Protein backbone atom coordinates (compact mmCIF):
# COMPACT_ATOMS: atom_id res chain seq x y z
CA MET A 1 -113.93 48.64 1.49
CA LEU A 2 -110.58 47.34 0.16
CA TYR A 3 -109.46 50.19 -2.03
CA ILE A 4 -106.77 48.20 -3.83
CA ALA A 5 -109.45 45.78 -5.02
CA TYR A 6 -110.84 48.60 -7.13
CA PHE A 7 -107.39 50.04 -7.97
CA THR A 8 -108.28 53.49 -6.71
CA VAL A 9 -106.18 54.11 -3.65
CA PHE A 10 -106.72 57.23 -1.58
CA VAL A 11 -103.37 57.74 0.06
CA LYS A 12 -102.65 59.97 3.04
CA MET A 13 -99.23 61.52 2.55
CA TYR A 14 -97.91 64.02 4.97
CA PRO A 15 -98.98 66.78 4.82
CA THR A 16 -101.33 66.28 1.83
CA PHE A 17 -103.58 63.61 0.41
CA TYR A 18 -102.51 61.72 -2.67
CA THR A 19 -104.65 59.68 -5.08
CA ILE A 20 -103.44 56.72 -7.11
CA GLN A 21 -105.47 55.89 -10.20
CA ALA A 22 -104.03 52.56 -11.33
CA ASN A 23 -104.88 50.49 -14.36
CA PRO A 24 -107.13 47.55 -13.41
CA ASP A 25 -105.82 45.54 -16.36
CA ALA A 26 -102.23 45.76 -15.13
CA THR A 27 -102.63 43.24 -12.34
CA SER A 28 -102.43 39.49 -12.02
CA LEU A 29 -104.12 39.39 -8.63
CA SER A 30 -106.95 36.92 -8.23
CA PRO A 31 -110.14 37.71 -6.28
CA LYS A 32 -108.97 35.07 -3.81
CA GLU A 33 -105.80 37.03 -3.03
CA VAL A 34 -107.72 40.27 -2.59
CA SER A 35 -110.45 38.78 -0.39
CA LEU A 36 -107.90 36.88 1.71
CA THR A 37 -105.93 40.10 2.24
CA VAL A 38 -109.10 41.83 3.44
CA ARG A 39 -109.97 39.01 5.80
CA ILE A 40 -106.51 38.90 7.37
CA ALA A 41 -106.32 42.69 7.69
CA GLU A 42 -109.72 42.88 9.39
CA ALA A 43 -108.87 40.02 11.77
CA VAL A 44 -105.54 41.62 12.71
CA ARG A 45 -107.21 44.99 13.28
CA ALA A 46 -109.79 43.33 15.56
CA ALA A 47 -106.91 41.79 17.53
CA GLY A 48 -105.25 45.19 18.02
CA GLY A 49 -102.69 45.08 15.21
CA ARG A 50 -102.32 46.44 11.70
CA VAL A 51 -101.58 44.88 8.32
CA LEU A 52 -99.60 46.72 5.65
CA VAL A 53 -99.01 45.67 2.05
CA VAL A 54 -95.26 46.05 1.45
CA GLY A 55 -92.65 45.58 -1.26
CA GLY A 56 -93.36 45.58 -4.96
CA TYR A 57 -97.13 46.03 -4.92
CA PRO A 58 -97.33 49.60 -3.58
CA ARG A 59 -94.26 50.48 -5.68
CA ASP A 60 -95.94 49.27 -8.87
CA LEU A 61 -99.13 51.18 -8.11
CA VAL A 62 -97.16 54.40 -7.76
CA LEU A 63 -95.14 53.66 -10.90
CA GLN A 64 -98.38 53.30 -12.83
CA ALA A 65 -99.90 56.44 -11.38
CA GLU A 66 -96.87 58.74 -11.54
CA LEU A 67 -95.08 57.61 -14.69
CA GLY A 68 -97.70 55.61 -16.55
CA LEU A 69 -95.35 52.64 -16.64
CA THR A 70 -96.88 49.35 -17.72
CA VAL A 71 -96.00 47.25 -14.71
CA GLU A 72 -97.84 44.20 -13.51
CA ALA A 73 -98.79 44.80 -9.87
CA LYS A 74 -98.80 41.39 -8.21
CA ASP A 75 -97.55 39.31 -5.30
CA ILE A 76 -99.20 40.88 -2.28
CA ASP A 77 -96.75 40.63 0.64
CA LEU A 78 -98.13 41.51 4.05
CA GLU A 79 -96.35 42.85 7.13
CA VAL A 80 -98.19 42.61 10.46
CA TYR A 81 -97.57 45.14 13.21
CA GLY A 82 -98.61 44.96 16.86
CA LEU A 83 -99.05 41.17 17.27
CA GLU A 84 -96.50 38.75 18.71
CA THR A 85 -95.48 35.66 16.75
CA ASP A 86 -97.66 33.18 18.63
CA ALA A 87 -100.70 35.43 18.53
CA LEU A 88 -100.30 35.98 14.79
CA LEU A 89 -99.88 32.26 14.14
CA THR A 90 -103.04 31.45 16.10
CA LEU A 91 -104.97 34.12 14.21
CA LEU A 92 -103.79 32.90 10.82
CA GLN A 93 -104.59 29.28 11.68
CA SER A 94 -108.16 30.33 12.40
CA ILE A 95 -108.37 31.54 8.79
CA GLY A 96 -106.67 28.71 6.93
CA ARG A 97 -103.79 26.27 6.70
CA VAL A 98 -100.51 28.01 7.52
CA ASN A 99 -97.06 27.07 6.25
CA THR A 100 -94.71 27.71 9.19
CA VAL A 101 -91.37 26.90 7.54
CA GLY A 102 -90.16 30.46 8.24
CA VAL A 103 -91.70 30.85 11.70
CA SER A 104 -88.30 31.30 13.37
CA PHE A 105 -87.93 34.50 11.31
CA GLY A 106 -91.50 35.61 11.86
CA VAL A 107 -92.53 34.59 8.33
CA PHE A 108 -95.65 32.61 7.37
CA LYS A 109 -97.43 31.61 4.20
CA LEU A 110 -101.21 31.38 3.98
CA GLY A 111 -102.57 30.41 0.58
CA PRO A 112 -100.88 32.65 -2.04
CA LEU A 113 -99.84 35.29 0.51
CA ASP A 114 -96.50 35.79 2.26
CA ILE A 115 -97.06 37.24 5.73
CA ALA A 116 -94.28 38.49 7.99
CA LEU A 117 -93.66 40.39 11.17
CA PRO A 118 -91.42 43.46 10.88
CA ARG A 119 -87.82 42.39 11.33
CA LYS A 120 -84.38 43.66 12.26
CA ASP A 121 -81.29 42.26 10.55
CA SER A 122 -77.82 42.00 12.06
CA LYS A 123 -74.86 41.23 9.84
CA ALA A 124 -73.13 38.08 11.09
CA GLY A 125 -71.26 36.67 8.11
CA ARG A 126 -70.39 37.05 4.45
CA GLY A 127 -72.84 36.99 1.58
CA HIS A 128 -76.54 37.73 1.39
CA ARG A 129 -77.35 34.91 3.82
CA GLY A 130 -75.03 36.04 6.58
CA PHE A 131 -77.67 37.69 8.77
CA ILE A 132 -79.24 37.23 12.17
CA VAL A 133 -82.94 38.03 11.71
CA GLU A 134 -85.08 39.05 14.67
CA ALA A 135 -88.83 39.65 14.46
CA ASP A 136 -90.03 42.74 16.31
CA PRO A 137 -93.77 43.45 15.98
CA GLN A 138 -93.41 46.73 17.91
CA LEU A 139 -91.15 48.33 15.29
CA SER A 140 -92.50 51.34 13.47
CA HIS A 141 -92.84 50.98 9.73
CA LYS A 142 -90.18 53.65 9.25
CA ASP A 143 -87.63 51.61 11.19
CA ALA A 144 -88.74 48.30 9.67
CA ALA A 145 -88.34 49.74 6.17
CA ARG A 146 -84.67 50.60 6.81
CA ARG A 147 -83.79 47.00 5.93
CA ARG A 148 -85.18 47.51 2.42
CA ASP A 149 -82.80 48.16 -0.48
CA PHE A 150 -84.17 51.19 -2.35
CA THR A 151 -86.66 53.84 -1.31
CA ILE A 152 -89.05 52.81 -4.08
CA ASN A 153 -89.35 49.43 -2.34
CA ALA A 154 -89.72 50.89 1.16
CA MET A 155 -93.32 52.10 0.83
CA ALA A 156 -96.30 50.36 2.42
CA LEU A 157 -100.05 50.51 1.95
CA ASP A 158 -102.85 49.93 4.47
CA PRO A 159 -105.36 47.82 2.49
CA LEU A 160 -108.28 48.88 4.73
CA THR A 161 -107.75 52.64 4.79
CA GLY A 162 -105.70 53.28 1.67
CA GLU A 163 -103.02 55.11 3.67
CA LEU A 164 -99.57 55.09 2.11
CA PHE A 165 -96.51 54.97 4.36
CA ASP A 166 -93.62 56.65 2.57
CA GLU A 167 -91.25 57.85 5.26
CA HIS A 168 -88.13 57.43 3.08
CA GLY A 169 -89.22 59.37 0.00
CA GLY A 170 -90.11 56.59 -2.45
CA VAL A 171 -92.73 58.61 -4.33
CA ALA A 172 -90.34 61.54 -4.78
CA ASP A 173 -87.65 59.21 -6.12
CA ILE A 174 -90.11 57.64 -8.55
CA ARG A 175 -90.97 61.11 -9.81
CA LEU A 176 -87.24 61.77 -10.26
CA ARG A 177 -86.75 58.35 -11.88
CA ARG A 178 -83.91 57.44 -9.55
CA LEU A 179 -82.79 54.56 -7.35
CA ARG A 180 -81.63 55.65 -3.92
CA ALA A 181 -80.55 53.51 -0.97
CA VAL A 182 -82.89 53.62 2.03
CA ASP A 183 -80.14 53.39 4.64
CA PRO A 184 -76.54 53.84 3.43
CA VAL A 185 -75.18 52.00 6.48
CA MET A 186 -77.38 48.91 6.07
CA PHE A 187 -77.33 48.89 2.27
CA GLY A 188 -73.89 47.31 2.05
CA ASP A 189 -74.91 44.34 4.21
CA ASP A 190 -76.41 42.53 1.23
CA PRO A 191 -74.29 42.34 -1.96
CA LEU A 192 -77.25 41.08 -3.98
CA ARG A 193 -78.49 44.67 -3.96
CA ALA A 194 -75.97 45.48 -6.67
CA LEU A 195 -77.74 43.12 -9.06
CA ARG A 196 -81.13 44.38 -7.92
CA GLY A 197 -80.03 47.92 -8.73
CA MET A 198 -78.98 46.81 -12.19
CA GLN A 199 -82.28 45.10 -12.96
CA PHE A 200 -84.44 47.89 -11.50
CA ALA A 201 -82.52 50.41 -13.63
CA GLY A 202 -83.32 48.34 -16.70
CA ARG A 203 -86.93 47.55 -15.86
CA PHE A 204 -87.94 51.10 -14.94
CA GLY A 205 -85.41 53.15 -16.90
CA PHE A 206 -84.11 54.74 -13.68
CA ASP A 207 -80.73 56.29 -12.89
CA VAL A 208 -78.81 55.28 -9.80
CA GLU A 209 -78.27 58.15 -7.38
CA GLU A 210 -74.54 58.88 -7.12
CA ARG A 211 -74.04 58.04 -3.44
CA THR A 212 -75.94 54.78 -3.96
CA ALA A 213 -73.80 54.05 -7.03
CA GLY A 214 -70.72 54.45 -4.87
CA LEU A 215 -72.14 51.99 -2.34
CA ILE A 216 -72.76 49.45 -5.09
CA ARG A 217 -69.26 49.83 -6.55
CA ASP A 218 -67.79 49.03 -3.12
CA LEU A 219 -69.71 45.76 -2.71
CA ASP A 220 -67.87 42.44 -2.85
CA LEU A 221 -69.97 40.26 -5.17
CA HIS A 222 -67.91 37.10 -5.21
CA ASP A 223 -69.91 35.26 -2.54
CA LEU A 224 -73.16 35.50 -4.50
CA SER A 225 -74.50 32.21 -5.82
CA SER A 226 -75.14 31.73 -9.53
CA GLU A 227 -78.80 31.04 -8.72
CA ARG A 228 -79.33 34.45 -7.09
CA ILE A 229 -77.33 36.27 -9.76
CA GLY A 230 -79.37 34.52 -12.44
CA GLU A 231 -82.68 35.45 -10.82
CA GLU A 232 -81.84 39.14 -11.09
CA TRP A 233 -80.54 38.79 -14.65
CA LEU A 234 -83.71 37.04 -15.76
CA LYS A 235 -85.85 39.83 -14.30
CA LEU A 236 -83.70 42.39 -16.12
CA LEU A 237 -83.98 40.61 -19.46
CA LEU A 238 -87.59 39.48 -19.32
CA LYS A 239 -89.20 42.50 -17.65
CA SER A 240 -87.36 45.40 -19.30
CA GLU A 241 -88.64 47.23 -22.33
CA ARG A 242 -85.02 48.31 -22.93
CA PRO A 243 -82.65 45.88 -21.21
CA SER A 244 -79.71 47.95 -22.50
CA ILE A 245 -80.35 50.52 -19.76
CA GLY A 246 -79.77 47.90 -17.07
CA LEU A 247 -76.77 46.46 -18.92
CA GLN A 248 -75.13 49.86 -19.19
CA ALA A 249 -75.91 50.50 -15.52
CA GLY A 250 -74.24 47.17 -14.70
CA LEU A 251 -71.14 48.30 -16.55
CA ASP A 252 -71.12 51.77 -14.99
CA LEU A 253 -71.52 50.23 -11.52
CA GLY A 254 -68.67 47.74 -12.05
CA ILE A 255 -70.96 44.70 -11.84
CA ILE A 256 -70.22 43.42 -15.36
CA GLN A 257 -66.47 43.74 -14.82
CA LYS A 258 -66.56 41.87 -11.49
CA LEU A 259 -68.86 39.01 -12.48
CA HIS A 260 -68.93 38.69 -16.26
CA PRO A 261 -65.57 39.22 -18.01
CA GLU A 262 -67.00 37.68 -21.21
CA LEU A 263 -69.31 40.69 -21.49
CA ALA A 264 -66.85 43.27 -20.20
CA ALA A 265 -64.38 42.32 -22.95
CA LEU A 266 -66.87 43.49 -25.59
CA THR A 267 -66.44 47.12 -24.54
CA ASP A 268 -62.87 47.17 -25.92
CA THR A 269 -63.60 45.15 -29.06
CA PRO A 270 -63.88 47.30 -32.21
CA GLN A 271 -65.91 46.54 -35.34
CA GLU A 272 -65.63 47.48 -38.98
CA PRO A 273 -67.30 50.93 -39.21
CA GLU A 274 -68.76 50.23 -42.66
CA TRP A 275 -70.99 47.53 -41.18
CA HIS A 276 -71.14 48.67 -37.56
CA PRO A 277 -71.02 52.47 -37.31
CA GLU A 278 -72.33 52.17 -33.72
CA GLY A 279 -68.80 51.31 -32.61
CA SER A 280 -67.73 48.54 -30.23
CA VAL A 281 -69.27 45.09 -29.93
CA TRP A 282 -70.68 46.25 -26.58
CA ASN A 283 -72.60 49.07 -28.29
CA HIS A 284 -73.89 46.65 -30.92
CA THR A 285 -74.92 44.15 -28.24
CA LEU A 286 -76.93 46.78 -26.35
CA LEU A 287 -78.81 47.67 -29.54
CA ALA A 288 -79.39 44.01 -30.42
CA VAL A 289 -80.80 43.15 -26.98
CA ASP A 290 -83.27 46.03 -27.18
CA VAL A 291 -84.41 44.81 -30.60
CA ALA A 292 -84.78 41.31 -29.14
CA ALA A 293 -86.96 42.71 -26.34
CA ALA A 294 -89.17 44.37 -28.96
CA ILE A 295 -89.40 41.08 -30.89
CA ILE A 296 -90.57 39.06 -27.88
CA ARG A 297 -93.30 41.62 -27.24
CA ARG A 298 -94.28 41.67 -30.92
CA GLU A 299 -94.43 37.88 -31.12
CA GLU A 300 -95.88 37.49 -27.59
CA LEU A 301 -93.33 34.79 -26.81
CA GLY A 302 -93.55 32.61 -23.73
CA ARG A 303 -90.91 32.77 -21.02
CA ASP A 304 -88.49 30.08 -22.26
CA GLN A 305 -88.60 31.15 -25.89
CA ALA A 306 -88.26 34.81 -24.90
CA LEU A 307 -85.24 33.99 -22.76
CA THR A 308 -83.69 32.01 -25.62
CA VAL A 309 -84.00 34.98 -27.98
CA LEU A 310 -82.77 37.52 -25.41
CA LEU A 311 -79.76 35.44 -24.38
CA GLY A 312 -79.03 34.70 -28.04
CA ALA A 313 -78.94 38.42 -28.78
CA LEU A 314 -76.87 39.14 -25.68
CA CYS A 315 -74.27 36.44 -26.34
CA HIS A 316 -74.17 36.13 -30.12
CA ASP A 317 -70.97 38.14 -30.65
CA MET A 318 -69.00 37.17 -27.54
CA GLY A 319 -66.51 35.38 -29.77
CA LYS A 320 -65.45 38.66 -31.38
CA ALA A 321 -63.53 39.52 -28.20
CA VAL A 322 -61.05 36.71 -28.92
CA THR A 323 -61.05 36.64 -32.74
CA THR A 324 -61.07 40.29 -33.87
CA VAL A 325 -58.07 41.40 -35.91
CA ARG A 326 -57.21 44.35 -38.13
CA ASP A 327 -55.96 43.52 -41.60
CA PRO A 328 -52.44 45.06 -41.81
CA GLN A 329 -52.84 45.84 -45.51
CA THR A 330 -56.40 47.20 -45.74
CA GLY A 331 -56.90 48.28 -42.13
CA ARG A 332 -60.32 46.64 -42.11
CA ILE A 333 -61.53 44.92 -38.94
CA ARG A 334 -62.50 41.26 -39.15
CA SER A 335 -63.60 38.58 -36.68
CA PRO A 336 -63.05 35.23 -38.40
CA GLU A 337 -64.73 32.20 -36.82
CA HIS A 338 -66.21 34.36 -34.06
CA ALA A 339 -69.47 32.37 -34.04
CA LYS A 340 -67.63 29.14 -33.24
CA ALA A 341 -65.38 30.85 -30.68
CA GLY A 342 -68.36 32.43 -28.95
CA VAL A 343 -70.04 29.17 -28.01
CA GLU A 344 -67.74 28.34 -25.09
CA LEU A 345 -67.72 31.93 -23.83
CA ALA A 346 -71.52 32.02 -23.92
CA ARG A 347 -71.71 28.65 -22.18
CA ARG A 348 -69.49 29.94 -19.37
CA PHE A 349 -71.55 33.11 -19.04
CA MET A 350 -74.88 31.29 -18.96
CA LYS A 351 -73.61 28.82 -16.37
CA SER A 352 -72.69 31.78 -14.18
CA LEU A 353 -76.38 32.74 -14.35
CA HIS A 354 -77.56 29.20 -13.64
CA VAL A 355 -79.50 29.17 -16.92
CA ALA A 356 -81.46 25.94 -17.42
CA THR A 357 -79.62 23.36 -19.52
CA ASP A 358 -82.24 23.14 -22.28
CA ILE A 359 -82.24 26.92 -22.83
CA ARG A 360 -78.45 27.07 -22.67
CA ARG A 361 -78.12 24.41 -25.36
CA LYS A 362 -80.56 26.24 -27.62
CA VAL A 363 -78.61 29.47 -27.28
CA GLU A 364 -75.31 27.70 -27.98
CA ARG A 365 -76.67 26.19 -31.21
CA ILE A 366 -78.05 29.57 -32.31
CA ILE A 367 -74.73 31.32 -31.63
CA PHE A 368 -72.82 28.72 -33.66
CA ASP A 369 -75.08 29.29 -36.69
CA HIS A 370 -76.00 32.95 -36.31
CA MET A 371 -73.96 33.84 -39.43
CA PHE A 372 -76.08 31.60 -41.67
CA LEU A 373 -78.20 34.53 -42.89
CA PRO A 374 -75.64 35.93 -45.37
CA GLU A 375 -75.63 32.49 -47.03
CA ALA A 376 -79.43 32.20 -47.17
CA ARG A 377 -79.88 33.23 -50.82
CA ARG A 378 -77.20 30.80 -52.00
CA ALA A 379 -78.26 27.98 -49.69
CA LYS A 380 -79.89 24.94 -51.23
CA ASP A 381 -82.96 23.36 -49.69
CA ALA A 382 -80.80 20.57 -48.28
CA ALA A 383 -78.61 23.10 -46.43
CA ILE A 384 -81.65 24.62 -44.75
CA ARG A 385 -83.00 21.19 -43.83
CA ARG A 386 -79.61 20.25 -42.35
CA LEU A 387 -79.59 23.53 -40.44
CA SER A 388 -82.92 22.64 -38.83
CA LYS A 389 -81.40 19.38 -37.57
CA ARG A 390 -78.14 20.97 -36.47
CA LEU A 391 -79.93 23.64 -34.43
CA GLN A 392 -81.78 21.18 -32.21
CA PRO A 393 -83.14 21.79 -29.60
CA ALA A 394 -83.44 25.32 -31.02
CA THR A 395 -85.48 26.07 -34.12
CA ILE A 396 -84.85 28.04 -37.30
CA GLN A 397 -87.57 30.46 -36.18
CA GLU A 398 -85.64 31.21 -32.98
CA LEU A 399 -82.47 31.65 -35.04
CA ILE A 400 -84.32 34.08 -37.32
CA TRP A 401 -85.46 36.18 -34.35
CA VAL A 402 -81.91 36.37 -32.99
CA THR A 403 -80.61 37.11 -36.49
CA GLU A 404 -83.15 39.92 -36.81
CA ALA A 405 -81.95 41.38 -33.49
CA ASP A 406 -78.34 41.12 -34.68
CA PHE A 407 -79.07 42.62 -38.11
CA CYS A 408 -81.24 45.48 -36.82
CA GLY A 409 -79.02 46.21 -33.81
CA ARG A 410 -76.90 48.64 -35.81
CA THR A 411 -76.95 52.34 -36.60
CA LEU A 412 -76.73 52.07 -40.35
CA PRO A 413 -78.80 54.79 -42.08
CA GLU A 414 -80.80 52.13 -43.95
CA LEU A 415 -81.50 48.51 -43.08
CA ASP A 416 -82.72 46.13 -45.77
CA THR A 417 -84.50 43.27 -43.99
CA SER A 418 -85.62 41.51 -47.16
CA LEU A 419 -83.04 38.74 -46.62
CA ILE A 420 -84.60 37.92 -43.25
CA THR A 421 -88.05 37.75 -44.87
CA TYR A 422 -86.66 35.55 -47.64
CA PHE A 423 -85.01 33.16 -45.17
CA GLN A 424 -88.22 32.98 -43.13
CA HIS A 425 -90.24 32.11 -46.24
CA ARG A 426 -87.79 29.40 -47.35
CA ALA A 427 -87.91 27.74 -43.94
CA GLU A 428 -91.70 27.83 -43.86
CA VAL A 429 -92.04 26.39 -47.36
CA LEU A 430 -89.72 23.55 -46.35
CA ALA A 431 -91.75 23.06 -43.13
CA VAL A 432 -88.65 23.39 -40.92
CA SER A 433 -89.23 26.82 -39.38
CA ALA A 434 -90.94 25.89 -36.10
CA ALA A 435 -89.46 22.40 -35.75
CA PRO A 436 -86.57 20.42 -37.22
CA LEU A 437 -87.02 18.17 -40.21
CA GLN A 438 -89.19 15.21 -39.22
CA ARG A 439 -88.33 11.77 -40.56
CA LEU A 440 -90.96 10.55 -43.00
CA VAL A 441 -89.96 6.90 -42.91
CA LEU A 442 -89.93 5.45 -39.39
CA GLY A 443 -88.79 2.22 -37.80
CA ARG A 444 -92.28 0.74 -37.88
CA ASP A 445 -92.35 1.22 -41.64
CA LEU A 446 -89.08 -0.68 -42.01
CA LEU A 447 -90.36 -3.49 -39.76
CA ARG A 448 -93.26 -4.00 -42.17
CA LEU A 449 -90.74 -4.15 -45.00
CA GLY A 450 -88.82 -6.91 -43.24
CA VAL A 451 -85.94 -4.91 -41.81
CA PRO A 452 -85.04 -6.40 -38.40
CA PRO A 453 -84.61 -4.08 -35.41
CA GLY A 454 -81.08 -3.26 -34.33
CA SER A 455 -78.06 -1.31 -35.51
CA HIS A 456 -78.74 -2.09 -39.17
CA MET A 457 -82.18 -0.48 -38.93
CA GLY A 458 -80.59 2.59 -37.37
CA GLU A 459 -78.18 2.86 -40.30
CA VAL A 460 -81.02 2.49 -42.79
CA LEU A 461 -83.04 5.21 -41.06
CA ALA A 462 -80.04 7.55 -41.09
CA TRP A 463 -79.49 6.80 -44.80
CA LEU A 464 -83.14 7.55 -45.57
CA GLU A 465 -83.03 10.74 -43.54
CA ALA A 466 -79.99 11.93 -45.50
CA ALA A 467 -81.84 11.17 -48.73
CA GLN A 468 -84.89 13.06 -47.48
CA ILE A 469 -82.72 16.06 -46.58
CA ASN A 470 -81.26 16.04 -50.08
CA GLY A 471 -84.76 16.10 -51.57
CA ALA A 472 -84.98 12.50 -52.80
CA PHE A 473 -88.56 12.25 -51.51
CA SER A 474 -91.10 14.45 -49.74
CA THR A 475 -93.79 12.02 -48.50
CA ARG A 476 -93.82 8.80 -46.50
CA GLU A 477 -95.03 6.84 -49.50
CA GLU A 478 -92.26 8.23 -51.69
CA GLY A 479 -89.76 7.38 -48.95
CA ILE A 480 -90.87 3.76 -48.78
CA ALA A 481 -90.70 3.52 -52.58
CA TYR A 482 -87.21 5.04 -52.47
CA TYR A 483 -86.12 2.40 -49.96
CA GLU A 484 -87.56 -0.45 -52.04
CA LYS A 485 -85.80 0.85 -55.15
CA HIS A 486 -82.41 1.57 -53.59
CA ALA A 487 -82.20 -0.84 -50.63
CA THR A 488 -80.00 -3.36 -52.46
CA THR A 489 -77.55 -0.68 -53.55
CA HIS A 490 -77.44 0.76 -50.05
CA THR A 491 -76.82 -2.70 -48.52
CA ASP A 492 -74.06 -3.48 -51.00
CA ASP A 493 -72.35 -0.20 -50.22
CA SER A 494 -72.60 -0.76 -46.47
CA PRO A 495 -69.83 -2.33 -44.36
CA ASP A 496 -69.76 -6.07 -43.88
CA ARG A 497 -72.02 -6.79 -40.88
CA SER A 498 -71.26 -10.54 -40.73
CA ARG A 499 -68.48 -10.10 -38.18
């Protein structure tokens, strides 16, 4: 029997037995992955070896059982002990088609599974890639696990017996809600572990053990690529119920100061207490990001839209760091034009995370217009229609979610959200909430009316769109009638095109 298939794992822990009762709904594993794991484990056992499930899967099972955390156990990674590389390759090829791209490191891929021999790493250069990796199938799991970052990731599970290998105290650290380095000497070999510590702190709400925190503060992070940094940031933002915990951990560990000065500057930027009693822009940003995380769960947003809202909340007030002033007469704190100033700072920050261009552009547009809400009651329909065009590729709905995070990310005793509801309703009535204003009169309509293709048609379409924005017509038929009535006037007012 494969115990993990039924999510009841009977675990032998020295000197007692330990039972994991995990939630069967909190898994994305397919029956194919489970059955393939069983088949490989049984074949390896018949050949004299042993398969262990390593990495995040056993960690997530224990997190569910011990703390009741809602974590999605997935990505079964296998480590094979007792078989040499060639013997393992032959065995796997008898089961299915094997991807051998990583064979020199003792790593294979069979179907959805990553399969590796236990390995030893030797530091040979700078950065997280500067290692000499040597497969050693005769290593014990205890020694093999020394190359892992934190004890919570150093556990392993035998899928055939249910035995848990936890020689470095991962279960105890989960119970204590702490991140602790497996091997203090080897921990510093990989600077990416600083970012991993930050995102694990956020995702699980864990503290970083003090000695481990010291190791992280000593790491040189400047050789890390933006791609790898971004991967850890995205996990922090998208997988954390309260991303603020990871952000504060990043600040306390010196990560924000070393890599992201645009964020670090917010810690010293004050705000007007009447509107922001929570204090600095950093404090406000932490609150706003947590509200954004709640919004994406409430709205069940997909990955790209969720990331847009989270990054919008994280970056929306970056411009305050360079625009905040105190009025010498009243003593009040103001940040004029901070939305405009924040666009370039946010762009620089998101590029350092290797954020996809389409998401970055959406966030930039949202930041530029995130102060539209105070104008919403006075705004005419045309202003809201123009906003929908100006925000592209973002939408007014995405702006509203970020605005909600901004507005609710404060510690005011009372928060009146009626303006947000009003703005939402106006945008929906005007049919520009989920998408920008759509042109009613198109080029094919003008062709039927005798307008030749070319630059003149483009000018006519732009003229008609401006009229539509200003409320001159609200249907295609009305738009065509508007053109027929006003075309002569528009042509007369246009520049001479005879040259």
